[in-house]
């Protein structure tokens, strides 16, 4: 029974994390650029750590239901992700080297890297919806011991996914850094980011009941 609960948490969390395109695209790009990959992966995992525990143990529900907080996060997310999407699109059709590639190959300090990772992670409203509501709701019927096992499964998936994605991209960066591959990745990232913007706008309109 305990193994089942662990695996349920693991695969539920993994499926949700894989669906958060903006964050994964960012981790992939940082891995290719070899830009403080460990800290990027660590910050993504720690954000999941806090949010997943908040969802499972119920403390995040109060924040999630606050309309003002939701609107603020969503608006900031739309602006930030739109900027990243436009930058990626410009890079894809530029005759020069990828703009994002050049920016992310610059010597970003650990502090700047952490701030950028926090922005791309926490300004995406879907992160809160998935961790607080979906993961949290899935653990409602568990007792405290079962919730802990479920949380361990969920957090294991997060840790394995982000570090595998980031360091996998870093390992194969020589191939992924080729100009044609860069342009393909830029287009891929732009499409994902614009889709995230679209879903965030829809979510904002729903909140405001427009």
N, C-alpha and C. Protein backbone atom coordinates (compact mmCIF):
# COMPACT_ATOMS: atom_id res chain seq x y z
N UNK A 1 0.83 -1.21 0.00
CA UNK A 1 0.00 0.00 0.00
C UNK A 1 0.87 1.26 0.00
N UNK A 2 1.93 1.23 0.83
CA UNK A 2 2.81 2.39 0.91
C UNK A 2 3.54 2.62 -0.41
N UNK A 3 3.95 1.52 -1.04
CA UNK A 3 4.61 1.65 -2.35
C UNK A 3 3.67 2.24 -3.39
N UNK A 4 2.41 1.85 -3.32
CA UNK A 4 1.41 2.37 -4.25
C UNK A 4 1.24 3.87 -4.06
N UNK A 5 1.17 4.31 -2.81
CA UNK A 5 1.01 5.73 -2.52
C UNK A 5 2.22 6.52 -2.99
N UNK A 6 3.41 5.97 -2.76
CA UNK A 6 4.65 6.62 -3.21
C UNK A 6 4.64 6.77 -4.73
N UNK A 7 4.31 5.69 -5.43
CA UNK A 7 4.29 5.71 -6.89
C UNK A 7 3.20 6.63 -7.43
N UNK A 8 2.08 6.70 -6.73
CA UNK A 8 1.01 7.60 -7.15
C UNK A 8 1.50 9.04 -7.09
N UNK A 9 2.17 9.39 -5.98
CA UNK A 9 2.72 10.74 -5.85
C UNK A 9 3.79 11.00 -6.89
N UNK A 10 4.62 10.00 -7.14
CA UNK A 10 5.73 10.14 -8.10
C UNK A 10 5.21 10.42 -9.50
N UNK A 11 4.31 9.58 -9.99
CA UNK A 11 3.85 9.70 -11.38
C UNK A 11 2.89 10.87 -11.57
N UNK A 12 2.11 11.21 -10.55
CA UNK A 12 1.24 12.38 -10.65
C UNK A 12 2.08 13.64 -10.76
N UNK A 13 3.06 13.76 -9.87
CA UNK A 13 3.94 14.92 -9.88
C UNK A 13 4.73 15.00 -11.18
N UNK A 14 5.24 13.87 -11.65
CA UNK A 14 6.03 13.85 -12.88
C UNK A 14 5.20 14.31 -14.07
N UNK A 15 3.96 13.84 -14.16
CA UNK A 15 3.10 14.22 -15.28
C UNK A 15 2.78 15.70 -15.26
N UNK A 16 2.62 16.27 -14.07
CA UNK A 16 2.32 17.70 -13.95
C UNK A 16 3.54 18.55 -14.27
N UNK A 17 4.71 18.14 -13.77
CA UNK A 17 5.94 18.89 -14.02
C UNK A 17 6.29 18.90 -15.50
N UNK A 18 6.13 17.76 -16.15
CA UNK A 18 6.43 17.66 -17.58
C UNK A 18 5.52 18.56 -18.41
N UNK A 19 4.34 18.87 -17.88
CA UNK A 19 3.37 19.68 -18.62
C UNK A 19 3.63 21.17 -18.47
N UNK A 20 4.46 21.58 -17.51
CA UNK A 20 4.75 23.00 -17.30
C UNK A 20 5.83 23.42 -18.28
N UNK A 21 5.43 23.75 -19.51
CA UNK A 21 6.36 23.97 -20.61
C UNK A 21 7.35 25.09 -20.42
N UNK A 22 6.91 26.21 -19.88
CA UNK A 22 7.79 27.37 -19.75
C UNK A 22 8.99 27.06 -18.87
N UNK A 23 8.74 26.41 -17.75
CA UNK A 23 9.81 26.09 -16.82
C UNK A 23 10.78 25.07 -17.42
N UNK A 24 10.25 24.06 -18.07
CA UNK A 24 11.11 23.04 -18.68
C UNK A 24 11.94 23.60 -19.82
N UNK A 25 11.33 24.48 -20.62
CA UNK A 25 12.06 25.11 -21.72
C UNK A 25 13.21 25.96 -21.17
N UNK A 26 12.96 26.63 -20.06
CA UNK A 26 13.98 27.46 -19.43
C UNK A 26 15.14 26.60 -18.91
N UNK A 27 14.80 25.52 -18.21
CA UNK A 27 15.83 24.62 -17.68
C UNK A 27 16.65 24.02 -18.82
N UNK A 28 15.98 23.63 -19.89
CA UNK A 28 16.66 23.08 -21.06
C UNK A 28 17.66 24.08 -21.63
N UNK A 29 17.22 25.31 -21.81
CA UNK A 29 18.09 26.34 -22.38
C UNK A 29 19.26 26.65 -21.46
N UNK A 30 19.02 26.72 -20.16
CA UNK A 30 20.11 26.98 -19.22
C UNK A 30 21.12 25.83 -19.23
N UNK A 31 20.63 24.61 -19.40
CA UNK A 31 21.52 23.46 -19.47
C UNK A 31 22.41 23.53 -20.69
N UNK A 32 21.82 23.88 -21.83
CA UNK A 32 22.59 24.01 -23.08
C UNK A 32 23.65 25.10 -22.93
N UNK A 33 23.27 26.20 -22.26
CA UNK A 33 24.18 27.32 -22.08
C UNK A 33 25.21 27.08 -20.98
N UNK A 34 25.05 25.98 -20.23
CA UNK A 34 25.93 25.66 -19.10
C UNK A 34 25.99 26.80 -18.10
N UNK A 35 24.84 27.39 -17.88
CA UNK A 35 24.76 28.57 -17.01
C UNK A 35 24.25 28.20 -15.62
N UNK A 36 25.16 27.98 -14.69
CA UNK A 36 24.79 27.66 -13.30
C UNK A 36 23.69 26.60 -13.24
N UNK A 37 23.88 25.52 -13.97
CA UNK A 37 22.84 24.49 -14.12
C UNK A 37 22.40 23.92 -12.77
N UNK A 38 23.36 23.68 -11.89
CA UNK A 38 23.01 23.11 -10.58
C UNK A 38 22.03 24.00 -9.83
N UNK A 39 22.30 25.31 -9.84
CA UNK A 39 21.44 26.24 -9.10
C UNK A 39 20.06 26.38 -9.75
N UNK A 40 20.02 26.32 -11.07
CA UNK A 40 18.74 26.37 -11.78
C UNK A 40 17.88 25.18 -11.37
N UNK A 41 18.47 23.99 -11.42
CA UNK A 41 17.74 22.77 -11.06
C UNK A 41 17.35 22.77 -9.59
N UNK A 42 18.27 23.24 -8.75
CA UNK A 42 18.01 23.26 -7.31
C UNK A 42 16.86 24.20 -6.97
N UNK A 43 16.85 25.39 -7.57
CA UNK A 43 15.78 26.36 -7.30
C UNK A 43 14.43 25.81 -7.75
N UNK A 44 14.40 25.20 -8.93
CA UNK A 44 13.15 24.60 -9.43
C UNK A 44 12.65 23.53 -8.46
N UNK A 45 13.57 22.70 -7.98
CA UNK A 45 13.18 21.65 -7.04
C UNK A 45 12.70 22.23 -5.71
N UNK A 46 13.42 23.23 -5.20
CA UNK A 46 13.05 23.82 -3.91
C UNK A 46 11.69 24.52 -3.98
N UNK A 47 11.41 25.15 -5.13
CA UNK A 47 10.08 25.75 -5.32
C UNK A 47 9.01 24.68 -5.28
N UNK A 48 9.26 23.58 -5.96
CA UNK A 48 8.33 22.45 -5.92
C UNK A 48 8.20 21.91 -4.50
N UNK A 49 9.32 21.84 -3.80
CA UNK A 49 9.34 21.33 -2.43
C UNK A 49 8.36 22.11 -1.55
N UNK A 50 8.47 23.43 -1.62
CA UNK A 50 7.60 24.29 -0.80
C UNK A 50 6.15 24.19 -1.25
N UNK A 51 5.91 24.29 -2.57
CA UNK A 51 4.55 24.32 -3.09
C UNK A 51 3.84 22.97 -2.95
N UNK A 52 4.56 21.89 -3.19
CA UNK A 52 3.96 20.55 -3.05
C UNK A 52 3.57 20.28 -1.61
N UNK A 53 4.45 20.61 -0.68
CA UNK A 53 4.13 20.41 0.74
C UNK A 53 2.97 21.31 1.15
N UNK A 54 2.95 22.53 0.62
CA UNK A 54 1.84 23.44 0.92
C UNK A 54 0.52 22.87 0.41
N UNK A 55 0.57 22.27 -0.78
CA UNK A 55 -0.64 21.68 -1.34
C UNK A 55 -1.10 20.46 -0.58
N UNK A 56 -0.17 19.57 -0.26
CA UNK A 56 -0.52 18.31 0.41
C UNK A 56 -1.01 18.55 1.83
N UNK A 57 -0.37 19.48 2.53
CA UNK A 57 -0.74 19.71 3.92
C UNK A 57 -1.68 20.89 4.12
N UNK A 58 -2.18 21.45 2.99
CA UNK A 58 -3.29 22.39 3.04
C UNK A 58 -2.98 23.84 3.31
N UNK A 59 -1.72 24.20 3.60
CA UNK A 59 -1.43 25.58 3.99
C UNK A 59 -1.43 26.54 2.81
N UNK A 60 -1.36 26.01 1.59
CA UNK A 60 -1.33 26.90 0.43
C UNK A 60 -2.69 27.28 -0.10
N UNK A 61 -3.74 26.62 0.39
CA UNK A 61 -5.07 26.86 -0.15
C UNK A 61 -5.56 28.27 0.11
N UNK A 62 -5.21 28.82 1.28
CA UNK A 62 -5.63 30.18 1.62
C UNK A 62 -5.07 31.19 0.63
N UNK A 63 -3.77 31.05 0.32
CA UNK A 63 -3.12 31.95 -0.64
C UNK A 63 -3.70 31.76 -2.03
N UNK A 64 -3.92 30.51 -2.40
CA UNK A 64 -4.41 30.20 -3.74
C UNK A 64 -5.79 30.79 -4.01
N UNK A 65 -6.59 30.98 -2.96
CA UNK A 65 -7.95 31.49 -3.12
C UNK A 65 -8.01 33.02 -3.02
N UNK A 66 -6.86 33.66 -2.80
CA UNK A 66 -6.82 35.12 -2.71
C UNK A 66 -6.82 35.71 -4.12
N UNK A 67 -7.90 36.39 -4.49
CA UNK A 67 -8.07 36.92 -5.84
C UNK A 67 -6.99 37.93 -6.20
N UNK A 68 -6.67 38.84 -5.29
CA UNK A 68 -5.68 39.88 -5.56
C UNK A 68 -4.31 39.26 -5.85
N UNK A 69 -3.92 38.29 -5.03
CA UNK A 69 -2.63 37.61 -5.22
C UNK A 69 -2.62 36.89 -6.56
N UNK A 70 -3.73 36.22 -6.89
CA UNK A 70 -3.83 35.49 -8.16
C UNK A 70 -3.71 36.42 -9.35
N UNK A 71 -4.39 37.57 -9.30
CA UNK A 71 -4.35 38.54 -10.40
C UNK A 71 -2.94 39.09 -10.56
N UNK A 72 -2.31 39.46 -9.44
CA UNK A 72 -0.97 40.03 -9.48
C UNK A 72 0.04 39.05 -10.08
N UNK A 73 0.02 37.82 -9.60
CA UNK A 73 0.94 36.80 -10.11
C UNK A 73 0.71 36.54 -11.59
N UNK A 74 -0.57 36.48 -11.99
CA UNK A 74 -0.90 36.18 -13.38
C UNK A 74 -0.47 37.30 -14.32
N UNK A 75 -0.71 38.56 -13.93
CA UNK A 75 -0.32 39.70 -14.77
C UNK A 75 1.20 39.76 -14.92
N UNK A 76 1.92 39.60 -13.83
CA UNK A 76 3.38 39.60 -13.89
C UNK A 76 3.88 38.43 -14.74
N UNK A 77 3.21 37.31 -14.62
CA UNK A 77 3.57 36.14 -15.42
C UNK A 77 3.38 36.38 -16.90
N UNK A 78 2.27 37.02 -17.27
CA UNK A 78 1.99 37.33 -18.68
C UNK A 78 3.08 38.23 -19.25
N UNK A 79 3.46 39.26 -18.50
CA UNK A 79 4.47 40.20 -18.96
C UNK A 79 5.84 39.52 -19.10
N UNK A 80 6.23 38.76 -18.09
CA UNK A 80 7.55 38.13 -18.09
C UNK A 80 7.66 37.06 -19.18
N UNK A 81 6.66 36.19 -19.27
CA UNK A 81 6.70 35.11 -20.25
C UNK A 81 6.58 35.66 -21.67
N UNK A 82 5.81 36.74 -21.85
CA UNK A 82 5.69 37.38 -23.17
C UNK A 82 7.04 37.90 -23.63
N UNK A 83 7.76 38.54 -22.72
CA UNK A 83 9.10 39.05 -23.05
C UNK A 83 10.02 37.91 -23.47
N UNK A 84 9.99 36.83 -22.73
CA UNK A 84 10.85 35.68 -23.04
C UNK A 84 10.45 35.06 -24.38
N UNK A 85 9.15 35.00 -24.66
CA UNK A 85 8.66 34.42 -25.91
C UNK A 85 9.08 35.26 -27.11
N UNK A 86 8.93 36.59 -26.98
CA UNK A 86 9.29 37.50 -28.07
C UNK A 86 10.80 37.44 -28.33
N UNK A 87 11.58 37.38 -27.25
CA UNK A 87 13.03 37.28 -27.39
C UNK A 87 13.43 36.00 -28.13
N UNK A 88 12.77 34.90 -27.78
CA UNK A 88 13.06 33.62 -28.44
C UNK A 88 12.67 33.67 -29.92
N UNK A 89 11.55 34.32 -30.23
CA UNK A 89 11.08 34.41 -31.61
C UNK A 89 12.04 35.25 -32.45
N UNK A 90 12.49 36.37 -31.88
CA UNK A 90 13.46 37.22 -32.58
C UNK A 90 14.75 36.44 -32.84
N UNK A 91 15.17 35.67 -31.83
CA UNK A 91 16.39 34.87 -31.96
C UNK A 91 16.27 33.86 -33.09
N UNK A 92 15.10 33.24 -33.20
CA UNK A 92 14.89 32.18 -34.18
C UNK A 92 15.04 32.68 -35.62
N UNK A 93 14.62 33.93 -35.87
CA UNK A 93 14.64 34.46 -37.23
C UNK A 93 15.74 35.50 -37.44
N UNK A 94 16.66 35.57 -36.49
CA UNK A 94 17.78 36.48 -36.61
C UNK A 94 18.91 35.83 -37.41
N UNK A 95 19.63 36.63 -38.18
CA UNK A 95 20.77 36.11 -38.95
C UNK A 95 21.99 35.95 -38.07
N UNK A 96 21.92 36.56 -36.88
CA UNK A 96 23.03 36.45 -35.93
C UNK A 96 22.83 35.20 -35.08
N UNK A 97 23.75 34.99 -34.15
CA UNK A 97 23.60 33.88 -33.22
C UNK A 97 22.38 34.10 -32.35
N UNK A 98 21.86 33.04 -31.82
CA UNK A 98 20.68 33.11 -30.97
C UNK A 98 20.85 34.14 -29.88
N UNK A 99 19.90 35.07 -29.79
CA UNK A 99 19.97 36.11 -28.77
C UNK A 99 19.93 35.50 -27.38
N UNK A 100 18.99 34.57 -27.19
CA UNK A 100 18.88 33.92 -25.89
C UNK A 100 20.16 33.15 -25.57
N UNK A 101 20.71 32.49 -26.60
CA UNK A 101 21.94 31.71 -26.40
C UNK A 101 23.07 32.61 -25.96
N UNK A 102 23.19 33.78 -26.59
CA UNK A 102 24.26 34.71 -26.23
C UNK A 102 24.06 35.27 -24.83
N UNK A 103 22.81 35.62 -24.53
CA UNK A 103 22.51 36.18 -23.21
C UNK A 103 22.84 35.17 -22.13
N UNK A 104 22.41 33.92 -22.36
CA UNK A 104 22.56 32.92 -21.32
C UNK A 104 23.97 32.34 -21.26
N UNK A 105 24.80 32.61 -22.28
CA UNK A 105 26.20 32.22 -22.23
C UNK A 105 27.05 33.29 -21.56
N UNK A 106 26.43 34.47 -21.32
CA UNK A 106 27.15 35.52 -20.61
C UNK A 106 27.35 35.06 -19.17
N UNK A 107 28.30 35.69 -18.50
CA UNK A 107 28.64 35.25 -17.16
C UNK A 107 27.62 35.74 -16.15
N UNK A 108 26.48 35.09 -16.12
CA UNK A 108 25.46 35.41 -15.13
C UNK A 108 25.97 35.01 -13.76
N UNK A 109 25.77 35.89 -12.80
CA UNK A 109 26.12 35.54 -11.43
C UNK A 109 25.10 34.53 -10.92
N UNK A 110 25.45 33.86 -9.85
CA UNK A 110 24.52 32.90 -9.26
C UNK A 110 23.25 33.61 -8.81
N UNK A 111 23.41 34.83 -8.29
CA UNK A 111 22.26 35.61 -7.82
C UNK A 111 21.29 35.90 -8.97
N UNK A 112 21.81 36.36 -10.11
CA UNK A 112 20.96 36.67 -11.26
C UNK A 112 20.28 35.41 -11.78
N UNK A 113 21.02 34.32 -11.79
CA UNK A 113 20.46 33.05 -12.26
C UNK A 113 19.31 32.61 -11.37
N UNK A 114 19.49 32.73 -10.07
CA UNK A 114 18.45 32.33 -9.11
C UNK A 114 17.21 33.19 -9.27
N UNK A 115 17.41 34.51 -9.43
CA UNK A 115 16.28 35.43 -9.59
C UNK A 115 15.50 35.10 -10.86
N UNK A 116 16.21 34.87 -11.96
CA UNK A 116 15.57 34.55 -13.23
C UNK A 116 14.80 33.23 -13.14
N UNK A 117 15.39 32.25 -12.46
CA UNK A 117 14.72 30.96 -12.29
C UNK A 117 13.47 31.09 -11.43
N UNK A 118 13.55 31.90 -10.39
CA UNK A 118 12.38 32.14 -9.54
C UNK A 118 11.26 32.80 -10.33
N UNK A 119 11.63 33.75 -11.19
CA UNK A 119 10.62 34.45 -12.01
C UNK A 119 9.91 33.48 -12.95
N UNK A 120 10.67 32.70 -13.68
CA UNK A 120 10.07 31.79 -14.67
C UNK A 120 9.26 30.70 -13.98
N UNK A 121 9.59 30.40 -12.73
CA UNK A 121 8.87 29.36 -11.99
C UNK A 121 7.64 29.91 -11.29
N UNK A 122 7.82 30.96 -10.51
CA UNK A 122 6.75 31.44 -9.64
C UNK A 122 5.78 32.40 -10.31
N UNK A 123 6.13 32.92 -11.49
CA UNK A 123 5.20 33.81 -12.19
C UNK A 123 4.34 33.03 -13.19
N UNK A 124 4.34 31.73 -13.05
CA UNK A 124 3.48 30.87 -13.87
C UNK A 124 2.37 30.33 -12.98
N UNK A 125 1.16 30.83 -13.20
CA UNK A 125 0.04 30.49 -12.34
C UNK A 125 -0.24 28.99 -12.31
N UNK A 126 0.09 28.30 -13.40
CA UNK A 126 -0.19 26.86 -13.47
C UNK A 126 0.59 26.07 -12.43
N UNK A 127 1.73 26.61 -12.01
CA UNK A 127 2.52 25.94 -10.98
C UNK A 127 1.71 25.82 -9.70
N UNK A 128 1.03 26.91 -9.33
CA UNK A 128 0.23 26.91 -8.11
C UNK A 128 -1.00 26.02 -8.25
N UNK A 129 -1.64 26.08 -9.41
CA UNK A 129 -2.83 25.27 -9.64
C UNK A 129 -2.50 23.79 -9.53
N UNK A 130 -1.38 23.39 -10.13
CA UNK A 130 -0.99 21.98 -10.12
C UNK A 130 -0.60 21.50 -8.73
N UNK A 131 0.27 22.26 -8.08
CA UNK A 131 0.80 21.80 -6.79
C UNK A 131 -0.21 21.94 -5.66
N UNK A 132 -0.93 23.06 -5.63
CA UNK A 132 -1.85 23.30 -4.52
C UNK A 132 -3.15 22.53 -4.68
N UNK A 133 -3.73 22.59 -5.88
CA UNK A 133 -5.04 21.99 -6.07
C UNK A 133 -4.98 20.53 -6.52
N UNK A 134 -4.24 20.24 -7.58
CA UNK A 134 -4.22 18.87 -8.11
C UNK A 134 -3.52 17.92 -7.15
N UNK A 135 -2.28 18.25 -6.80
CA UNK A 135 -1.53 17.39 -5.87
C UNK A 135 -2.20 17.39 -4.50
N UNK A 136 -2.60 18.57 -4.05
CA UNK A 136 -3.26 18.68 -2.74
C UNK A 136 -4.55 17.88 -2.67
N UNK A 137 -5.36 17.99 -3.72
CA UNK A 137 -6.64 17.27 -3.74
C UNK A 137 -6.43 15.76 -3.77
N UNK A 138 -5.36 15.32 -4.41
CA UNK A 138 -5.09 13.89 -4.52
C UNK A 138 -4.68 13.28 -3.18
N UNK A 139 -4.28 14.13 -2.24
CA UNK A 139 -3.84 13.64 -0.94
C UNK A 139 -4.88 13.85 0.16
N UNK A 140 -6.05 14.33 -0.20
CA UNK A 140 -7.07 14.66 0.80
C UNK A 140 -7.51 13.45 1.63
N UNK A 141 -7.57 12.29 1.01
CA UNK A 141 -8.08 11.10 1.71
C UNK A 141 -7.02 10.36 2.51
N UNK A 142 -5.77 10.83 2.45
CA UNK A 142 -4.68 10.15 3.16
C UNK A 142 -4.57 10.62 4.60
N UNK A 143 -4.11 9.73 5.48
CA UNK A 143 -3.78 10.17 6.84
C UNK A 143 -2.38 10.78 6.81
N UNK A 144 -1.90 11.24 7.96
CA UNK A 144 -0.63 11.98 8.00
C UNK A 144 0.54 11.15 7.48
N UNK A 145 0.62 9.88 7.89
CA UNK A 145 1.72 9.02 7.44
C UNK A 145 1.67 8.82 5.93
N UNK A 146 0.47 8.62 5.41
CA UNK A 146 0.30 8.41 3.97
C UNK A 146 0.62 9.69 3.19
N UNK A 147 0.28 10.84 3.77
CA UNK A 147 0.60 12.12 3.12
C UNK A 147 2.11 12.31 3.00
N UNK A 148 2.83 11.90 4.03
CA UNK A 148 4.29 12.02 4.01
C UNK A 148 4.88 11.14 2.90
N UNK A 149 4.37 9.91 2.78
CA UNK A 149 4.84 9.00 1.74
C UNK A 149 4.50 9.55 0.35
N UNK A 150 3.29 10.08 0.22
CA UNK A 150 2.84 10.68 -1.04
C UNK A 150 3.72 11.87 -1.40
N UNK A 151 4.05 12.68 -0.40
CA UNK A 151 4.91 13.85 -0.61
C UNK A 151 6.31 13.42 -1.05
N UNK A 152 6.84 12.37 -0.44
CA UNK A 152 8.17 11.87 -0.82
C UNK A 152 8.18 11.40 -2.27
N UNK A 153 7.11 10.75 -2.69
CA UNK A 153 7.00 10.33 -4.09
C UNK A 153 6.96 11.51 -5.03
N UNK A 154 6.17 12.52 -4.68
CA UNK A 154 6.04 13.72 -5.52
C UNK A 154 7.36 14.47 -5.62
N UNK A 155 8.04 14.61 -4.48
CA UNK A 155 9.30 15.35 -4.46
C UNK A 155 10.41 14.59 -5.17
N UNK A 156 10.38 13.27 -5.10
CA UNK A 156 11.38 12.46 -5.81
C UNK A 156 11.27 12.68 -7.31
N UNK A 157 10.04 12.74 -7.81
CA UNK A 157 9.82 12.97 -9.24
C UNK A 157 10.37 14.33 -9.66
N UNK A 158 10.11 15.34 -8.83
CA UNK A 158 10.59 16.69 -9.13
C UNK A 158 12.11 16.73 -9.18
N UNK A 159 12.76 16.14 -8.19
CA UNK A 159 14.22 16.15 -8.12
C UNK A 159 14.84 15.45 -9.33
N UNK A 160 14.35 14.25 -9.62
CA UNK A 160 14.89 13.46 -10.73
C UNK A 160 14.67 14.17 -12.07
N UNK A 161 13.48 14.74 -12.27
CA UNK A 161 13.16 15.38 -13.55
C UNK A 161 14.05 16.58 -13.82
N UNK A 162 14.10 17.52 -12.88
CA UNK A 162 14.82 18.77 -13.13
C UNK A 162 16.32 18.55 -13.29
N UNK A 163 16.91 17.72 -12.44
CA UNK A 163 18.35 17.50 -12.54
C UNK A 163 18.70 16.67 -13.77
N UNK A 164 17.82 15.76 -14.17
CA UNK A 164 18.06 14.99 -15.40
C UNK A 164 17.96 15.89 -16.62
N UNK A 165 16.95 16.76 -16.64
CA UNK A 165 16.75 17.67 -17.77
C UNK A 165 17.90 18.66 -17.89
N UNK A 166 18.25 19.30 -16.77
CA UNK A 166 19.30 20.31 -16.78
C UNK A 166 20.66 19.76 -17.14
N UNK A 167 21.07 18.70 -16.46
CA UNK A 167 22.41 18.14 -16.70
C UNK A 167 22.45 17.30 -17.97
N UNK A 168 21.30 16.77 -18.39
CA UNK A 168 21.24 16.08 -19.68
C UNK A 168 21.50 17.06 -20.81
N UNK A 169 20.86 18.24 -20.71
CA UNK A 169 21.07 19.29 -21.72
C UNK A 169 22.51 19.78 -21.70
N UNK A 170 23.09 19.86 -20.50
CA UNK A 170 24.48 20.30 -20.38
C UNK A 170 25.43 19.29 -21.03
N UNK A 171 25.17 18.02 -20.82
CA UNK A 171 26.03 16.96 -21.36
C UNK A 171 26.02 16.95 -22.88
N UNK A 172 24.85 17.21 -23.45
CA UNK A 172 24.71 17.18 -24.92
C UNK A 172 24.70 18.59 -25.52
N UNK A 173 25.24 19.55 -24.77
CA UNK A 173 25.21 20.95 -25.21
C UNK A 173 26.00 21.16 -26.50
N UNK A 174 27.04 20.36 -26.73
CA UNK A 174 27.85 20.51 -27.96
C UNK A 174 26.97 20.32 -29.19
N UNK A 175 26.12 19.30 -29.14
CA UNK A 175 25.20 19.05 -30.25
C UNK A 175 24.06 20.07 -30.27
N UNK A 176 23.50 20.35 -29.09
CA UNK A 176 22.34 21.24 -29.00
C UNK A 176 22.70 22.70 -29.25
N UNK A 177 24.01 23.03 -29.20
CA UNK A 177 24.45 24.41 -29.40
C UNK A 177 24.67 24.78 -30.86
N UNK A 178 24.52 23.81 -31.77
CA UNK A 178 24.69 24.11 -33.19
C UNK A 178 23.65 25.14 -33.63
N UNK A 179 24.05 26.09 -34.51
CA UNK A 179 23.14 27.18 -34.93
C UNK A 179 21.76 26.72 -35.38
N UNK A 180 21.69 25.70 -36.21
CA UNK A 180 20.39 25.24 -36.72
C UNK A 180 19.56 24.64 -35.59
N UNK A 181 20.22 23.91 -34.68
CA UNK A 181 19.52 23.33 -33.54
C UNK A 181 19.03 24.44 -32.62
N UNK A 182 19.88 25.49 -32.46
CA UNK A 182 19.50 26.63 -31.63
C UNK A 182 18.25 27.30 -32.15
N UNK A 183 18.17 27.48 -33.46
CA UNK A 183 17.00 28.13 -34.05
C UNK A 183 15.74 27.28 -33.84
N UNK A 184 15.90 25.97 -33.99
CA UNK A 184 14.77 25.07 -33.77
C UNK A 184 14.30 25.15 -32.32
N UNK A 185 15.27 25.15 -31.40
CA UNK A 185 14.94 25.25 -29.98
C UNK A 185 14.28 26.58 -29.66
N UNK A 186 14.79 27.67 -30.27
CA UNK A 186 14.19 28.99 -30.06
C UNK A 186 12.73 29.02 -30.51
N UNK A 187 12.46 28.43 -31.68
CA UNK A 187 11.08 28.38 -32.19
C UNK A 187 10.22 27.55 -31.24
N UNK A 188 10.76 26.42 -30.81
CA UNK A 188 10.05 25.54 -29.88
C UNK A 188 9.73 26.27 -28.58
N UNK A 189 10.72 26.99 -28.05
CA UNK A 189 10.53 27.74 -26.81
C UNK A 189 9.50 28.85 -27.00
N UNK A 190 9.59 29.57 -28.13
CA UNK A 190 8.64 30.65 -28.41
C UNK A 190 7.21 30.13 -28.46
N UNK A 191 7.01 29.00 -29.13
CA UNK A 191 5.67 28.41 -29.23
C UNK A 191 5.14 28.05 -27.84
N UNK A 192 5.98 27.42 -27.04
CA UNK A 192 5.58 27.03 -25.69
C UNK A 192 5.23 28.26 -24.86
N UNK A 193 6.10 29.28 -24.93
CA UNK A 193 5.88 30.48 -24.13
C UNK A 193 4.61 31.22 -24.54
N UNK A 194 4.37 31.34 -25.85
CA UNK A 194 3.15 32.01 -26.30
C UNK A 194 1.90 31.23 -25.89
N UNK A 195 2.00 29.91 -25.88
CA UNK A 195 0.88 29.10 -25.42
C UNK A 195 0.63 29.34 -23.93
N UNK A 196 1.71 29.44 -23.16
CA UNK A 196 1.58 29.73 -21.72
C UNK A 196 0.94 31.09 -21.51
N UNK A 197 1.36 32.08 -22.32
CA UNK A 197 0.76 33.42 -22.23
C UNK A 197 -0.74 33.34 -22.52
N UNK A 198 -1.10 32.59 -23.55
CA UNK A 198 -2.51 32.43 -23.92
C UNK A 198 -3.32 31.85 -22.76
N UNK A 199 -2.79 30.79 -22.14
CA UNK A 199 -3.51 30.16 -21.03
C UNK A 199 -3.57 31.08 -19.81
N UNK A 200 -2.52 31.87 -19.59
CA UNK A 200 -2.52 32.81 -18.47
C UNK A 200 -3.54 33.93 -18.69
N UNK A 201 -3.65 34.40 -19.93
CA UNK A 201 -4.65 35.43 -20.25
C UNK A 201 -6.05 34.88 -20.03
N UNK A 202 -6.29 33.65 -20.47
CA UNK A 202 -7.59 33.01 -20.27
C UNK A 202 -7.90 32.90 -18.78
N UNK A 203 -6.88 32.52 -18.01
CA UNK A 203 -7.06 32.39 -16.56
C UNK A 203 -7.36 33.74 -15.92
N UNK A 204 -6.66 34.79 -16.39
CA UNK A 204 -6.89 36.13 -15.86
C UNK A 204 -8.31 36.60 -16.15
N UNK A 205 -8.77 36.38 -17.37
CA UNK A 205 -10.13 36.78 -17.74
C UNK A 205 -11.17 36.01 -16.91
N UNK A 206 -10.85 34.77 -16.61
CA UNK A 206 -11.76 33.97 -15.79
C UNK A 206 -11.84 34.51 -14.37
N UNK A 207 -10.67 34.91 -13.84
CA UNK A 207 -10.64 35.49 -12.49
C UNK A 207 -11.46 36.77 -12.43
N UNK A 208 -11.25 37.60 -13.46
CA UNK A 208 -11.94 38.90 -13.51
C UNK A 208 -13.37 38.77 -14.03
N UNK A 209 -13.72 37.55 -14.48
CA UNK A 209 -15.07 37.26 -15.00
C UNK A 209 -15.44 38.18 -16.15
N UNK A 210 -14.48 38.30 -17.11
CA UNK A 210 -14.71 39.13 -18.30
C UNK A 210 -15.16 38.22 -19.44
